[in-house]
């Protein structure tokens, strides 16, 4: 059974930092791209950052220079370091992993972790 388990959310003041973690429990699967998404109240879920197996990263414009995505392939874990947080970063953050096995690809999501940034 595959599970993505997130941790690290919480309440922080504007300008502060948080680090999110997401560990994939996915025996017998290869783990391809891992991503972080977020969903603010009343808004659609949006992509924040992507990291490939080789460590290549992509960010959406509104987090460039403030957020850093990284991964530990040995631990099947992806991280999101969030610095210079703004109230508009308040959202539920979800990790996503693309898994592969026997030539097929599967998409899995974490349960979400709340990030609240106060002004």
PDB file of N, CA and C in Angstrom:
ATOM      1  N   UNK A   1       0.841  -1.186   0.000  1.00  0.00           N
ATOM      2  CA  UNK A   1       0.000   0.000   0.000  1.00  0.00           C
ATOM      3  C   UNK A   1       0.878   1.239   0.000  1.00  0.00           C
ATOM      4  N   UNK A   2       0.522   2.227  -0.795  1.00  0.00           N
ATOM      5  CA  UNK A   2       1.304   3.451  -0.914  1.00  0.00           C
ATOM      6  C   UNK A   2       0.727   4.527  -0.009  1.00  0.00           C
ATOM      7  N   UNK A   3       1.600   5.212   0.701  1.00  0.00           N
ATOM      8  CA  UNK A   3       1.191   6.356   1.512  1.00  0.00           C
ATOM      9  C   UNK A   3       2.205   7.461   1.379  1.00  0.00           C
ATOM     10  N   UNK A   4       1.723   8.681   1.289  1.00  0.00           N
ATOM     11  CA  UNK A   4       2.578   9.860   1.379  1.00  0.00           C
ATOM     12  C   UNK A   4       2.213  10.555   2.685  1.00  0.00           C
ATOM     13  N   UNK A   5       3.172  10.662   3.586  1.00  0.00           N
ATOM     14  CA  UNK A   5       2.899  11.204   4.915  1.00  0.00           C
ATOM     15  C   UNK A   5       3.615  12.536   5.062  1.00  0.00           C
ATOM     16  N   UNK A   6       2.819  13.582   5.261  1.00  0.00           N
ATOM     17  CA  UNK A   6       3.355  14.939   5.353  1.00  0.00           C
ATOM     18  C   UNK A   6       3.479  15.380   6.799  1.00  0.00           C
ATOM     19  N   UNK A   7       4.391  16.318   7.026  1.00  0.00           N
ATOM     20  CA  UNK A   7       4.531  16.941   8.340  1.00  0.00           C
ATOM     21  C   UNK A   7       5.171  18.304   8.162  1.00  0.00           C
ATOM     22  N   UNK A   8       5.078  19.115   9.221  1.00  0.00           N
ATOM     23  CA  UNK A   8       5.819  20.375   9.234  1.00  0.00           C
ATOM     24  C   UNK A   8       4.987  21.627   9.095  1.00  0.00           C
ATOM     25  N   UNK A   9       3.693  21.522   8.886  1.00  0.00           N
ATOM     26  CA  UNK A   9       2.883  22.719   8.778  1.00  0.00           C
ATOM     27  C   UNK A   9       2.704  23.383  10.131  1.00  0.00           C
ATOM     28  N   UNK A  10       2.048  24.546  10.115  1.00  0.00           N
ATOM     29  CA  UNK A  10       1.809  25.237  11.370  1.00  0.00           C
ATOM     30  C   UNK A  10       1.499  26.700  11.159  1.00  0.00           C
ATOM     31  N   UNK A  11       1.560  27.448  12.261  1.00  0.00           N
ATOM     32  CA  UNK A  11       1.279  28.887  12.255  1.00  0.00           C
ATOM     33  C   UNK A  11       2.596  29.641  12.406  1.00  0.00           C
ATOM     34  N   UNK A  12       2.798  30.630  11.558  1.00  0.00           N
ATOM     35  CA  UNK A  12       4.025  31.414  11.598  1.00  0.00           C
ATOM     36  C   UNK A  12       3.699  32.861  11.246  1.00  0.00           C
ATOM     37  N   UNK A  13       4.477  33.780  11.759  1.00  0.00           N
ATOM     38  CA  UNK A  13       4.284  35.188  11.427  1.00  0.00           C
ATOM     39  C   UNK A  13       4.873  35.496  10.051  1.00  0.00           C
ATOM     40  N   UNK A  14       4.359  36.516   9.424  1.00  0.00           N
ATOM     41  CA  UNK A  14       4.896  36.955   8.137  1.00  0.00           C
ATOM     42  C   UNK A  14       6.396  37.213   8.264  1.00  0.00           C
ATOM     43  N   UNK A  15       7.132  36.766   7.257  1.00  0.00           N
ATOM     44  CA  UNK A  15       8.579  36.883   7.279  1.00  0.00           C
ATOM     45  C   UNK A  15       9.280  35.672   7.861  1.00  0.00           C
ATOM     46  N   UNK A  16       8.513  34.783   8.468  1.00  0.00           N
ATOM     47  CA  UNK A  16       9.090  33.599   9.091  1.00  0.00           C
ATOM     48  C   UNK A  16       9.298  32.470   8.112  1.00  0.00           C
ATOM     49  N   UNK A  17       9.688  31.305   8.658  1.00  0.00           N
ATOM     50  CA  UNK A  17      10.023  30.143   7.842  1.00  0.00           C
ATOM     51  C   UNK A  17       9.349  28.892   8.387  1.00  0.00           C
ATOM     52  N   UNK A  18       9.086  27.970   7.478  1.00  0.00           N
ATOM     53  CA  UNK A  18       8.621  26.632   7.822  1.00  0.00           C
ATOM     54  C   UNK A  18       9.267  25.645   6.858  1.00  0.00           C
ATOM     55  N   UNK A  19       9.419  24.400   7.321  1.00  0.00           N
ATOM     56  CA  UNK A  19       9.924  23.347   6.453  1.00  0.00           C
ATOM     57  C   UNK A  19       8.942  22.192   6.452  1.00  0.00           C
ATOM     58  N   UNK A  20       8.431  21.886   5.293  1.00  0.00           N
ATOM     59  CA  UNK A  20       7.518  20.761   5.135  1.00  0.00           C
ATOM     60  C   UNK A  20       8.290  19.521   4.690  1.00  0.00           C
ATOM     61  N   UNK A  21       7.822  18.369   5.155  1.00  0.00           N
ATOM     62  CA  UNK A  21       8.405  17.094   4.753  1.00  0.00           C
ATOM     63  C   UNK A  21       7.298  16.180   4.258  1.00  0.00           C
ATOM     64  N   UNK A  22       7.655  15.298   3.341  1.00  0.00           N
ATOM     65  CA  UNK A  22       6.699  14.316   2.849  1.00  0.00           C
ATOM     66  C   UNK A  22       7.465  13.030   2.549  1.00  0.00           C
ATOM     67  N   UNK A  23       7.152  11.979   3.297  1.00  0.00           N
ATOM     68  CA  UNK A  23       7.814  10.697   3.108  1.00  0.00           C
ATOM     69  C   UNK A  23       6.887   9.746   2.370  1.00  0.00           C
ATOM     70  N   UNK A  24       7.425   9.167   1.311  1.00  0.00           N
ATOM     71  CA  UNK A  24       6.653   8.211   0.519  1.00  0.00           C
ATOM     72  C   UNK A  24       6.943   6.795   1.004  1.00  0.00           C
ATOM     73  N   UNK A  25       5.885   6.123   1.428  1.00  0.00           N
ATOM     74  CA  UNK A  25       5.976   4.702   1.772  1.00  0.00           C
ATOM     75  C   UNK A  25       5.462   3.956   0.537  1.00  0.00           C
ATOM     76  N   UNK A  26       6.400   3.475  -0.262  1.00  0.00           N
ATOM     77  CA  UNK A  26       6.021   2.963  -1.587  1.00  0.00           C
ATOM     78  C   UNK A  26       6.946   1.823  -1.987  1.00  0.00           C
ATOM     79  N   UNK A  27       6.908   0.758  -1.211  1.00  0.00           N
ATOM     80  CA  UNK A  27       7.754  -0.398  -1.519  1.00  0.00           C
ATOM     81  C   UNK A  27       7.435  -0.949  -2.899  1.00  0.00           C
ATOM     82  N   UNK A  28       8.455  -1.313  -3.613  1.00  0.00           N
ATOM     83  CA  UNK A  28       8.407  -1.936  -4.940  1.00  0.00           C
ATOM     84  C   UNK A  28       8.050  -0.953  -6.055  1.00  0.00           C
ATOM     85  N   UNK A  29       7.911   0.324  -5.736  1.00  0.00           N
ATOM     86  CA  UNK A  29       7.683   1.342  -6.756  1.00  0.00           C
ATOM     87  C   UNK A  29       8.947   2.169  -6.949  1.00  0.00           C
ATOM     88  N   UNK A  30       9.156   2.652  -8.171  1.00  0.00           N
ATOM     89  CA  UNK A  30      10.147   3.709  -8.367  1.00  0.00           C
ATOM     90  C   UNK A  30       9.426   5.041  -8.177  1.00  0.00           C
ATOM     91  N   UNK A  31      10.159   6.028  -7.690  1.00  0.00           N
ATOM     92  CA  UNK A  31       9.562   7.341  -7.453  1.00  0.00           C
ATOM     93  C   UNK A  31      10.144   8.316  -8.457  1.00  0.00           C
ATOM     94  N   UNK A  32       9.320   8.883  -9.272  1.00  0.00           N
ATOM     95  CA  UNK A  32       9.758   9.808 -10.301  1.00  0.00           C
ATOM     96  C   UNK A  32       9.663  11.245  -9.777  1.00  0.00           C
ATOM     97  N   UNK A  33       8.962  12.107 -10.482  1.00  0.00           N
ATOM     98  CA  UNK A  33       8.813  13.487 -10.013  1.00  0.00           C
ATOM     99  C   UNK A  33       8.062  13.529  -8.682  1.00  0.00           C
ATOM    100  N   UNK A  34       8.483  14.470  -7.842  1.00  0.00           N
ATOM    101  CA  UNK A  34       7.744  14.778  -6.628  1.00  0.00           C
ATOM    102  C   UNK A  34       7.427  16.266  -6.660  1.00  0.00           C
ATOM    103  N   UNK A  35       6.278  16.626  -6.178  1.00  0.00           N
ATOM    104  CA  UNK A  35       5.832  18.021  -6.275  1.00  0.00           C
ATOM    105  C   UNK A  35       5.156  18.456  -4.987  1.00  0.00           C
ATOM    106  N   UNK A  36       5.080  19.760  -4.823  1.00  0.00           N
ATOM    107  CA  UNK A  36       4.259  20.366  -3.792  1.00  0.00           C
ATOM    108  C   UNK A  36       3.212  21.226  -4.474  1.00  0.00           C
ATOM    109  N   UNK A  37       1.979  21.075  -4.016  1.00  0.00           N
ATOM    110  CA  UNK A  37       0.855  21.893  -4.443  1.00  0.00           C
ATOM    111  C   UNK A  37       0.304  22.593  -3.206  1.00  0.00           C
ATOM    112  N   UNK A  38      -0.543  23.584  -3.437  1.00  0.00           N
ATOM    113  CA  UNK A  38      -1.238  24.202  -2.308  1.00  0.00           C
ATOM    114  C   UNK A  38      -2.645  24.605  -2.735  1.00  0.00           C
ATOM    115  N   UNK A  39      -3.521  24.701  -1.745  1.00  0.00           N
ATOM    116  CA  UNK A  39      -4.905  25.095  -2.005  1.00  0.00           C
ATOM    117  C   UNK A  39      -5.359  26.016  -0.893  1.00  0.00           C
ATOM    118  N   UNK A  40      -5.619  27.256  -1.268  1.00  0.00           N
ATOM    119  CA  UNK A  40      -6.134  28.236  -0.326  1.00  0.00           C
ATOM    120  C   UNK A  40      -7.662  28.150  -0.310  1.00  0.00           C
ATOM    121  N   UNK A  41      -8.290  28.614   0.775  1.00  0.00           N
ATOM    122  CA  UNK A  41      -9.751  28.559   0.858  1.00  0.00           C
ATOM    123  C   UNK A  41     -10.404  29.250  -0.335  1.00  0.00           C
ATOM    124  N   UNK A  42     -11.346  28.562  -0.957  1.00  0.00           N
ATOM    125  CA  UNK A  42     -12.081  29.135  -2.073  1.00  0.00           C
ATOM    126  C   UNK A  42     -11.333  29.183  -3.381  1.00  0.00           C
ATOM    127  N   UNK A  43     -10.134  28.599  -3.410  1.00  0.00           N
ATOM    128  CA  UNK A  43      -9.323  28.634  -4.629  1.00  0.00           C
ATOM    129  C   UNK A  43      -9.009  27.219  -5.095  1.00  0.00           C
ATOM    130  N   UNK A  44      -8.581  27.115  -6.352  1.00  0.00           N
ATOM    131  CA  UNK A  44      -8.188  25.825  -6.886  1.00  0.00           C
ATOM    132  C   UNK A  44      -6.800  25.443  -6.388  1.00  0.00           C
ATOM    133  N   UNK A  45      -6.543  24.146  -6.376  1.00  0.00           N
ATOM    134  CA  UNK A  45      -5.212  23.669  -6.029  1.00  0.00           C
ATOM    135  C   UNK A  45      -4.235  24.117  -7.107  1.00  0.00           C
ATOM    136  N   UNK A  46      -3.058  24.594  -6.671  1.00  0.00           N
ATOM    137  CA  UNK A  46      -2.078  25.097  -7.617  1.00  0.00           C
ATOM    138  C   UNK A  46      -0.705  24.500  -7.341  1.00  0.00           C
ATOM    139  N   UNK A  47       0.054  24.314  -8.413  1.00  0.00           N
ATOM    140  CA  UNK A  47       1.400  23.779  -8.306  1.00  0.00           C
ATOM    141  C   UNK A  47       2.326  24.824  -7.707  1.00  0.00           C
ATOM    142  N   UNK A  48       3.210  24.376  -6.826  1.00  0.00           N
ATOM    143  CA  UNK A  48       4.181  25.271  -6.200  1.00  0.00           C
ATOM    144  C   UNK A  48       5.592  24.971  -6.718  1.00  0.00           C
ATOM    145  N   UNK A  49       5.995  23.702  -6.652  1.00  0.00           N
ATOM    146  CA  UNK A  49       7.360  23.351  -7.038  1.00  0.00           C
ATOM    147  C   UNK A  49       7.426  21.876  -7.420  1.00  0.00           C
ATOM    148  N   UNK A  50       8.387  21.555  -8.290  1.00  0.00           N
ATOM    149  CA  UNK A  50       8.603  20.194  -8.774  1.00  0.00           C
ATOM    150  C   UNK A  50      10.081  19.852  -8.654  1.00  0.00           C
ATOM    151  N   UNK A  51      10.355  18.584  -8.313  1.00  0.00           N
ATOM    152  CA  UNK A  51      11.738  18.115  -8.316  1.00  0.00           C
ATOM    153  C   UNK A  51      11.776  16.740  -8.962  1.00  0.00           C
ATOM    154  N   UNK A  52      12.724  16.551  -9.877  1.00  0.00           N
ATOM    155  CA  UNK A  52      12.863  15.274 -10.556  1.00  0.00           C
ATOM    156  C   UNK A  52      13.728  14.323  -9.724  1.00  0.00           C
ATOM    157  N   UNK A  53      13.807  13.069 -10.189  1.00  0.00           N
ATOM    158  CA  UNK A  53      14.634  12.098  -9.484  1.00  0.00           C
ATOM    159  C   UNK A  53      16.085  12.550  -9.435  1.00  0.00           C
ATOM    160  N   UNK A  54      16.533  13.201 -10.494  1.00  0.00           N
ATOM    161  CA  UNK A  54      17.914  13.671 -10.565  1.00  0.00           C
ATOM    162  C   UNK A  54      18.168  14.973  -9.848  1.00  0.00           C
ATOM    163  N   UNK A  55      17.126  15.585  -9.307  1.00  0.00           N
ATOM    164  CA  UNK A  55      17.304  16.805  -8.522  1.00  0.00           C
ATOM    165  C   UNK A  55      16.996  18.090  -9.271  1.00  0.00           C
ATOM    166  N   UNK A  56      16.573  17.996 -10.520  1.00  0.00           N
ATOM    167  CA  UNK A  56      16.196  19.199 -11.241  1.00  0.00           C
ATOM    168  C   UNK A  56      14.936  19.808 -10.650  1.00  0.00           C
ATOM    169  N   UNK A  57      14.898  21.129 -10.537  1.00  0.00           N
ATOM    170  CA  UNK A  57      13.784  21.787  -9.863  1.00  0.00           C
ATOM    171  C   UNK A  57      13.113  22.825 -10.758  1.00  0.00           C
ATOM    172  N   UNK A  58      11.835  23.030 -10.490  1.00  0.00           N
ATOM    173  CA  UNK A  58      11.069  24.084 -11.140  1.00  0.00           C
ATOM    174  C   UNK A  58      10.172  24.715 -10.096  1.00  0.00           C
ATOM    175  N   UNK A  59       9.988  26.024 -10.219  1.00  0.00           N
ATOM    176  CA  UNK A  59       9.162  26.762  -9.266  1.00  0.00           C
ATOM    177  C   UNK A  59       8.185  27.662 -10.023  1.00  0.00           C
ATOM    178  N   UNK A  60       7.033  27.896  -9.400  1.00  0.00           N
ATOM    179  CA  UNK A  60       6.151  28.913  -9.955  1.00  0.00           C
ATOM    180  C   UNK A  60       6.683  30.273  -9.526  1.00  0.00           C
ATOM    181  N   UNK A  61       6.313  31.290 -10.298  1.00  0.00           N
ATOM    182  CA  UNK A  61       6.920  32.605 -10.093  1.00  0.00           C
ATOM    183  C   UNK A  61       6.713  33.159  -8.683  1.00  0.00           C
ATOM    184  N   UNK A  62       5.547  32.914  -8.100  1.00  0.00           N
ATOM    185  CA  UNK A  62       5.246  33.565  -6.831  1.00  0.00           C
ATOM    186  C   UNK A  62       6.015  32.987  -5.642  1.00  0.00           C
ATOM    187  N   UNK A  63       6.800  31.927  -5.837  1.00  0.00           N
ATOM    188  CA  UNK A  63       7.622  31.411  -4.741  1.00  0.00           C
ATOM    189  C   UNK A  63       9.117  31.438  -5.065  1.00  0.00           C
ATOM    190  N   UNK A  64       9.461  31.811  -6.281  1.00  0.00           N
ATOM    191  CA  UNK A  64      10.871  31.838  -6.656  1.00  0.00           C
ATOM    192  C   UNK A  64      11.659  32.752  -5.727  1.00  0.00           C
ATOM    193  N   UNK A  65      12.786  32.253  -5.263  1.00  0.00           N
ATOM    194  CA  UNK A  65      13.629  33.029  -4.367  1.00  0.00           C
ATOM    195  C   UNK A  65      13.232  32.927  -2.906  1.00  0.00           C
ATOM    196  N   UNK A  66      12.064  32.340  -2.630  1.00  0.00           N
ATOM    197  CA  UNK A  66      11.612  32.208  -1.232  1.00  0.00           C
ATOM    198  C   UNK A  66      11.492  30.741  -0.800  1.00  0.00           C
ATOM    199  N   UNK A  67      11.082  29.883  -1.702  1.00  0.00           N
ATOM    200  CA  UNK A  67      10.888  28.468  -1.381  1.00  0.00           C
ATOM    201  C   UNK A  67      11.973  27.632  -2.061  1.00  0.00           C
ATOM    202  N   UNK A  68      12.354  26.535  -1.399  1.00  0.00           N
ATOM    203  CA  UNK A  68      13.322  25.608  -1.964  1.00  0.00           C
ATOM    204  C   UNK A  68      12.815  24.183  -1.803  1.00  0.00           C
ATOM    205  N   UNK A  69      12.711  23.471  -2.926  1.00  0.00           N
ATOM    206  CA  UNK A  69      12.316  22.074  -2.885  1.00  0.00           C
ATOM    207  C   UNK A  69      13.564  21.211  -2.962  1.00  0.00           C
ATOM    208  N   UNK A  70      13.588  20.134  -2.190  1.00  0.00           N
ATOM    209  CA  UNK A  70      14.712  19.213  -2.216  1.00  0.00           C
ATOM    210  C   UNK A  70      14.184  17.805  -1.925  1.00  0.00           C
ATOM    211  N   UNK A  71      15.036  16.816  -2.130  1.00  0.00           N
ATOM    212  CA  UNK A  71      14.604  15.446  -1.856  1.00  0.00           C
ATOM    213  C   UNK A  71      15.780  14.602  -1.415  1.00  0.00           C
ATOM    214  N   UNK A  72      15.455  13.582  -0.657  1.00  0.00           N
ATOM    215  CA  UNK A  72      16.418  12.582  -0.220  1.00  0.00           C
ATOM    216  C   UNK A  72      15.939  11.262  -0.798  1.00  0.00           C
ATOM    217  N   UNK A  73      16.561  10.827  -1.867  1.00  0.00           N
ATOM    218  CA  UNK A  73      16.081   9.620  -2.551  1.00  0.00           C
ATOM    219  C   UNK A  73      16.253   8.367  -1.681  1.00  0.00           C
ATOM    220  N   UNK A  74      17.268   8.358  -0.851  1.00  0.00           N
ATOM    221  CA  UNK A  74      17.479   7.192   0.015  1.00  0.00           C
ATOM    222  C   UNK A  74      16.357   7.045   1.036  1.00  0.00           C
ATOM    223  N   UNK A  75      15.749   8.177   1.413  1.00  0.00           N
ATOM    224  CA  UNK A  75      14.670   8.164   2.399  1.00  0.00           C
ATOM    225  C   UNK A  75      13.295   8.342   1.760  1.00  0.00           C
ATOM    226  N   UNK A  76      13.249   8.433   0.420  1.00  0.00           N
ATOM    227  CA  UNK A  76      11.976   8.642  -0.293  1.00  0.00           C
ATOM    228  C   UNK A  76      11.219   9.844   0.269  1.00  0.00           C
ATOM    229  N   UNK A  77      11.943  10.900   0.532  1.00  0.00           N
ATOM    230  CA  UNK A  77      11.352  12.067   1.178  1.00  0.00           C
ATOM    231  C   UNK A  77      11.610  13.326   0.356  1.00  0.00           C
ATOM    232  N   UNK A  78      10.587  14.153   0.258  1.00  0.00           N
ATOM    233  CA  UNK A  78      10.707  15.456  -0.395  1.00  0.00           C
ATOM    234  C   UNK A  78      10.459  16.529   0.657  1.00  0.00           C
ATOM    235  N   UNK A  79      11.157  17.636   0.528  1.00  0.00           N
ATOM    236  CA  UNK A  79      11.060  18.738   1.477  1.00  0.00           C
ATOM    237  C   UNK A  79      10.666  20.019   0.744  1.00  0.00           C
ATOM    238  N   UNK A  80      10.063  20.927   1.489  1.00  0.00           N
ATOM    239  CA  UNK A  80       9.819  22.270   0.973  1.00  0.00           C
ATOM    240  C   UNK A  80      10.213  23.251   2.064  1.00  0.00           C
ATOM    241  N   UNK A  81      11.327  23.927   1.853  1.00  0.00           N
ATOM    242  CA  UNK A  81      11.773  24.980   2.767  1.00  0.00           C
ATOM    243  C   UNK A  81      11.123  26.277   2.321  1.00  0.00           C
ATOM    244  N   UNK A  82      10.358  26.878   3.212  1.00  0.00           N
ATOM    245  CA  UNK A  82       9.620  28.094   2.886  1.00  0.00           C
ATOM    246  C   UNK A  82      10.139  29.234   3.751  1.00  0.00           C
ATOM    247  N   UNK A  83      10.740  30.210   3.125  1.00  0.00           N
ATOM    248  CA  UNK A  83      11.277  31.383   3.821  1.00  0.00           C
ATOM    249  C   UNK A  83      10.528  32.634   3.391  1.00  0.00           C
ATOM    250  N   UNK A  84      10.697  33.700   4.148  1.00  0.00           N
ATOM    251  CA  UNK A  84      10.038  34.978   3.830  1.00  0.00           C
ATOM    252  C   UNK A  84       8.554  34.780   3.548  1.00  0.00           C
ATOM    253  N   UNK A  85       7.905  34.033   4.425  1.00  0.00           N
ATOM    254  CA  UNK A  85       6.499  33.708   4.206  1.00  0.00           C
ATOM    255  C   UNK A  85       5.621  34.945   4.271  1.00  0.00           C
ATOM    256  N   UNK A  86       4.569  34.915   3.458  1.00  0.00           N
ATOM    257  CA  UNK A  86       3.611  36.014   3.362  1.00  0.00           C
ATOM    258  C   UNK A  86       2.218  35.493   3.736  1.00  0.00           C
ATOM    259  N   UNK A  87       1.339  36.365   4.180  1.00  0.00           N
ATOM    260  CA  UNK A  87      -0.030  35.908   4.495  1.00  0.00           C
ATOM    261  C   UNK A  87      -0.694  35.203   3.318  1.00  0.00           C
ATOM    262  N   UNK A  88      -0.387  35.612   2.107  1.00  0.00           N
ATOM    263  CA  UNK A  88      -0.998  34.973   0.931  1.00  0.00           C
ATOM    264  C   UNK A  88      -0.463  33.572   0.676  1.00  0.00           C
ATOM    265  N   UNK A  89       0.541  33.138   1.430  1.00  0.00           N
ATOM    266  CA  UNK A  89       1.011  31.753   1.335  1.00  0.00           C
ATOM    267  C   UNK A  89       0.153  30.809   2.177  1.00  0.00           C
ATOM    268  N   UNK A  90      -0.782  31.371   2.936  1.00  0.00           N
ATOM    269  CA  UNK A  90      -1.665  30.551   3.759  1.00  0.00           C
ATOM    270  C   UNK A  90      -2.472  29.608   2.878  1.00  0.00           C
ATOM    271  N   UNK A  91      -2.381  28.305   3.183  1.00  0.00           N
ATOM    272  CA  UNK A  91      -3.052  27.292   2.365  1.00  0.00           C
ATOM    273  C   UNK A  91      -2.807  25.923   2.987  1.00  0.00           C
ATOM    274  N   UNK A  92      -3.516  24.938   2.472  1.00  0.00           N
ATOM    275  CA  UNK A  92      -3.174  23.546   2.754  1.00  0.00           C
ATOM    276  C   UNK A  92      -2.182  23.117   1.678  1.00  0.00           C
ATOM    277  N   UNK A  93      -1.057  22.589   2.124  1.00  0.00           N
ATOM    278  CA  UNK A  93      -0.003  22.172   1.200  1.00  0.00           C
ATOM    279  C   UNK A  93      -0.045  20.652   1.058  1.00  0.00           C
ATOM    280  N   UNK A  94      -0.008  20.194  -0.192  1.00  0.00           N
ATOM    281  CA  UNK A  94      -0.091  18.769  -0.509  1.00  0.00           C
ATOM    282  C   UNK A  94       1.165  18.331  -1.252  1.00  0.00           C
ATOM    283  N   UNK A  95       1.704  17.187  -0.884  1.00  0.00           N
ATOM    284  CA  UNK A  95       2.766  16.625  -1.713  1.00  0.00           C
ATOM    285  C   UNK A  95       2.161  15.634  -2.690  1.00  0.00           C
ATOM    286  N   UNK A  96       2.855  15.452  -3.769  1.00  0.00           N
ATOM    287  CA  UNK A  96       2.424  14.604  -4.879  1.00  0.00           C
ATOM    288  C   UNK A  96       3.634  13.811  -5.341  1.00  0.00           C
ATOM    289  N   UNK A  97       3.412  12.559  -5.669  1.00  0.00           N
ATOM    290  CA  UNK A  97       4.495  11.748  -6.206  1.00  0.00           C
ATOM    291  C   UNK A  97       3.990  10.952  -7.391  1.00  0.00           C
ATOM    292  N   UNK A  98       4.817  10.895  -8.419  1.00  0.00           N
ATOM    293  CA  UNK A  98       4.544  10.017  -9.556  1.00  0.00           C
ATOM    294  C   UNK A  98       5.360   8.748  -9.354  1.00  0.00           C
ATOM    295  N   UNK A  99       4.678   7.630  -9.267  1.00  0.00           N
ATOM    296  CA  UNK A  99       5.329   6.354  -9.004  1.00  0.00           C
ATOM    297  C   UNK A  99       5.256   5.469 -10.239  1.00  0.00           C
ATOM    298  N   UNK A 100       6.233   4.602 -10.362  1.00  0.00           N
ATOM    299  CA  UNK A 100       6.257   3.708 -11.503  1.00  0.00           C
ATOM    300  C   UNK A 100       6.473   2.273 -11.083  1.00  0.00           C
ATOM    301  N   UNK A 101       5.830   1.363 -11.813  1.00  0.00           N
ATOM    302  CA  UNK A 101       6.036  -0.060 -11.576  1.00  0.00           C
ATOM    303  C   UNK A 101       5.532  -0.824 -12.782  1.00  0.00           C
ATOM    304  N   UNK A 102       6.337  -1.750 -13.241  1.00  0.00           N
ATOM    305  CA  UNK A 102       5.952  -2.617 -14.362  1.00  0.00           C
ATOM    306  C   UNK A 102       5.517  -1.809 -15.587  1.00  0.00           C
ATOM    307  N   UNK A 103       6.191  -0.701 -15.833  1.00  0.00           N
ATOM    308  CA  UNK A 103       5.904   0.096 -17.019  1.00  0.00           C
ATOM    309  C   UNK A 103       4.700   1.008 -16.918  1.00  0.00           C
ATOM    310  N   UNK A 104       4.078   1.062 -15.756  1.00  0.00           N
ATOM    311  CA  UNK A 104       2.909   1.908 -15.578  1.00  0.00           C
ATOM    312  C   UNK A 104       3.228   3.015 -14.579  1.00  0.00           C
ATOM    313  N   UNK A 105       2.534   4.134 -14.726  1.00  0.00           N
ATOM    314  CA  UNK A 105       2.720   5.277 -13.847  1.00  0.00           C
ATOM    315  C   UNK A 105       1.477   5.499 -12.985  1.00  0.00           C
ATOM    316  N   UNK A 106       1.705   5.928 -11.755  1.00  0.00           N
ATOM    317  CA  UNK A 106       0.623   6.149 -10.807  1.00  0.00           C
ATOM    318  C   UNK A 106       0.860   7.485 -10.106  1.00  0.00           C
ATOM    319  N   UNK A 107      -0.221   8.173  -9.795  1.00  0.00           N
ATOM    320  CA  UNK A 107      -0.138   9.450  -9.090  1.00  0.00           C
ATOM    321  C   UNK A 107      -0.711   9.295  -7.692  1.00  0.00           C
ATOM    322  N   UNK A 108       0.043   9.764  -6.710  1.00  0.00           N
ATOM    323  CA  UNK A 108      -0.414   9.693  -5.320  1.00  0.00           C
ATOM    324  C   UNK A 108      -0.272  11.059  -4.651  1.00  0.00           C
ATOM    325  N   UNK A 109      -1.174  11.307  -3.713  1.00  0.00           N
ATOM    326  CA  UNK A 109      -1.195  12.563  -2.969  1.00  0.00           C
ATOM    327  C   UNK A 109      -1.053  12.313  -1.476  1.00  0.00           C
ATOM    328  N   UNK A 110      -0.422  13.280  -0.800  1.00  0.00           N
ATOM    329  CA  UNK A 110      -0.422  13.272   0.652  1.00  0.00           C
ATOM    330  C   UNK A 110      -1.748  13.802   1.176  1.00  0.00           C
ATOM    331  N   UNK A 111      -1.887  13.760   2.501  1.00  0.00           N
ATOM    332  CA  UNK A 111      -3.142  14.138   3.135  1.00  0.00           C
ATOM    333  C   UNK A 111      -3.287  15.652   3.278  1.00  0.00           C
ATOM    334  N   UNK A 112      -2.212  16.371   3.097  1.00  0.00           N
ATOM    335  CA  UNK A 112      -2.249  17.822   3.233  1.00  0.00           C
ATOM    336  C   UNK A 112      -1.822  18.274   4.617  1.00  0.00           C
ATOM    337  N   UNK A 113      -1.149  19.416   4.671  1.00  0.00           N
ATOM    338  CA  UNK A 113      -0.748  20.004   5.948  1.00  0.00           C
ATOM    339  C   UNK A 113      -1.025  21.504   5.877  1.00  0.00           C
ATOM    340  N   UNK A 114      -1.628  22.029   6.943  1.00  0.00           N
ATOM    341  CA  UNK A 114      -2.049  23.431   6.954  1.00  0.00           C
ATOM    342  C   UNK A 114      -0.871  24.342   7.263  1.00  0.00           C
ATOM    343  N   UNK A 115      -0.719  25.367   6.459  1.00  0.00           N
ATOM    344  CA  UNK A 115       0.253  26.431   6.705  1.00  0.00           C
ATOM    345  C   UNK A 115      -0.537  27.736   6.837  1.00  0.00           C
ATOM    346  N   UNK A 116      -0.367  28.400   7.969  1.00  0.00           N
ATOM    347  CA  UNK A 116      -1.050  29.668   8.203  1.00  0.00           C
ATOM    348  C   UNK A 116      -0.011  30.733   8.521  1.00  0.00           C
ATOM    349  N   UNK A 117      -0.053  31.823   7.749  1.00  0.00           N
ATOM    350  CA  UNK A 117       0.899  32.916   7.935  1.00  0.00           C
ATOM    351  C   UNK A 117       0.121  34.140   8.403  1.00  0.00           C
ATOM    352  N   UNK A 118       0.435  34.612   9.597  1.00  0.00           N
ATOM    353  CA  UNK A 118      -0.268  35.772  10.149  1.00  0.00           C
ATOM    354  C   UNK A 118       0.477  37.054   9.802  1.00  0.00           C
ATOM    355  N   UNK A 119      -0.290  38.109   9.659  1.00  0.00           N
ATOM    356  CA  UNK A 119       0.325  39.402   9.288  1.00  0.00           C
ATOM    357  C   UNK A 119       0.736  40.187  10.515  1.00  0.00           C
TER     358      UNK A 119
END
